[in-house]
Amino acid sequence: MEKIRITKVKSAIDRPRKVKATLEALGLRKVNSSAEHVVTPQIEGMVKRVAHLVSVEKI
């Protein structure tokens, strides 16, 4: 299975509640924190919602 590493590169201050909840669900709390996930349609949708705050790389 394909995996991705998601890194939070921008702050979630002044962002809507749904965006903050999505970052939390991905396991991203502080700036420069990273999380690894298996690529699923659910994870892809979450990444699209917060694409302006994160960077994604394939592992």
C-alpha atoms as a PDB file:
ATOM      1  CA  MET A   1       0.000   0.000   0.000  1.00  0.00           C
ATOM      2  CA  GLU A   2       1.123   3.501  -0.798  1.00  0.00           C
ATOM      3  CA  LYS A   3       1.910   5.841   2.097  1.00  0.00           C
ATOM      4  CA  ILE A   4       2.259   9.607   2.297  1.00  0.00           C
ATOM      5  CA  ARG A   5       3.892  11.932   4.803  1.00  0.00           C
ATOM      6  CA  ILE A   6       1.875  15.063   5.560  1.00  0.00           C
ATOM      7  CA  THR A   7       3.685  18.018   7.163  1.00  0.00           C
ATOM      8  CA  LYS A   8       1.927  21.088   8.528  1.00  0.00           C
ATOM      9  CA  VAL A   9       3.725  24.157   7.165  1.00  0.00           C
ATOM     10  CA  LYS A  10       1.318  26.975   8.078  1.00  0.00           C
ATOM     11  CA  SER A  11      -0.635  27.879  11.186  1.00  0.00           C
ATOM     12  CA  ALA A  12      -4.362  27.202  11.548  1.00  0.00           C
ATOM     13  CA  ILE A  13      -5.012  30.481  13.365  1.00  0.00           C
ATOM     14  CA  ASP A  14      -7.997  32.349  11.865  1.00  0.00           C
ATOM     15  CA  ARG A  15      -9.125  29.255   9.942  1.00  0.00           C
ATOM     16  CA  PRO A  16     -12.642  27.762  10.026  1.00  0.00           C
ATOM     17  CA  ARG A  17     -13.466  25.138  12.641  1.00  0.00           C
ATOM     18  CA  LYS A  18     -13.714  22.384   9.989  1.00  0.00           C
ATOM     19  CA  VAL A  19     -10.173  23.072   8.785  1.00  0.00           C
ATOM     20  CA  LYS A  20      -8.824  22.933  12.341  1.00  0.00           C
ATOM     21  CA  ALA A  21     -10.712  19.690  12.994  1.00  0.00           C
ATOM     22  CA  THR A  22      -9.341  18.158   9.795  1.00  0.00           C
ATOM     23  CA  LEU A  23      -5.761  18.988  10.778  1.00  0.00           C
ATOM     24  CA  GLU A  24      -6.357  17.482  14.212  1.00  0.00           C
ATOM     25  CA  ALA A  25      -7.838  14.331  12.664  1.00  0.00           C
ATOM     26  CA  LEU A  26      -4.762  13.977  10.470  1.00  0.00           C
ATOM     27  CA  GLY A  27      -2.595  14.091  13.602  1.00  0.00           C
ATOM     28  CA  LEU A  28      -1.085  17.516  12.903  1.00  0.00           C
ATOM     29  CA  ARG A  29      -0.880  19.777  15.923  1.00  0.00           C
ATOM     30  CA  LYS A  30       2.097  22.131  15.733  1.00  0.00           C
ATOM     31  CA  VAL A  31       3.730  23.710  12.697  1.00  0.00           C
ATOM     32  CA  ASN A  32       6.366  21.381  11.190  1.00  0.00           C
ATOM     33  CA  SER A  33       4.741  18.312  12.737  1.00  0.00           C
ATOM     34  CA  SER A  34       4.388  15.319  10.415  1.00  0.00           C
ATOM     35  CA  ALA A  35       2.149  12.302  10.162  1.00  0.00           C
ATOM     36  CA  GLU A  36       2.266   9.244   7.919  1.00  0.00           C
ATOM     37  CA  HIS A  37      -0.914   7.770   6.487  1.00  0.00           C
ATOM     38  CA  VAL A  38      -1.893   5.057   4.025  1.00  0.00           C
ATOM     39  CA  VAL A  39      -3.459   6.628   0.936  1.00  0.00           C
ATOM     40  CA  THR A  40      -7.230   6.125   1.001  1.00  0.00           C
ATOM     41  CA  PRO A  41     -10.024   8.193  -0.542  1.00  0.00           C
ATOM     42  CA  GLN A  42     -10.837   9.579   2.921  1.00  0.00           C
ATOM     43  CA  ILE A  43      -7.263  10.733   3.568  1.00  0.00           C
ATOM     44  CA  GLU A  44      -7.028  12.229   0.059  1.00  0.00           C
ATOM     45  CA  GLY A  45     -10.184  14.261   0.698  1.00  0.00           C
ATOM     46  CA  MET A  46      -8.864  15.506   4.027  1.00  0.00           C
ATOM     47  CA  VAL A  47      -5.580  16.545   2.413  1.00  0.00           C
ATOM     48  CA  LYS A  48      -7.429  18.431  -0.335  1.00  0.00           C
ATOM     49  CA  ARG A  49      -9.368  20.382   2.287  1.00  0.00           C
ATOM     50  CA  VAL A  50      -6.172  21.566   4.020  1.00  0.00           C
ATOM     51  CA  ALA A  51      -3.812  21.605   1.007  1.00  0.00           C
ATOM     52  CA  HIS A  52      -3.042  25.289   1.555  1.00  0.00           C
ATOM     53  CA  LEU A  53      -1.618  24.526   5.035  1.00  0.00           C
ATOM     54  CA  VAL A  54       0.319  21.286   4.448  1.00  0.00           C
ATOM     55  CA  SER A  55       2.933  19.717   2.214  1.00  0.00           C
ATOM     56  CA  VAL A  56       2.626  16.115   1.045  1.00  0.00           C
ATOM     57  CA  GLU A  57       5.324  13.686  -0.051  1.00  0.00           C
ATOM     58  CA  LYS A  58       5.130  10.054  -1.076  1.00  0.00           C
ATOM     59  CA  ILE A  59       7.073   7.524   0.958  1.00  0.00           C
END
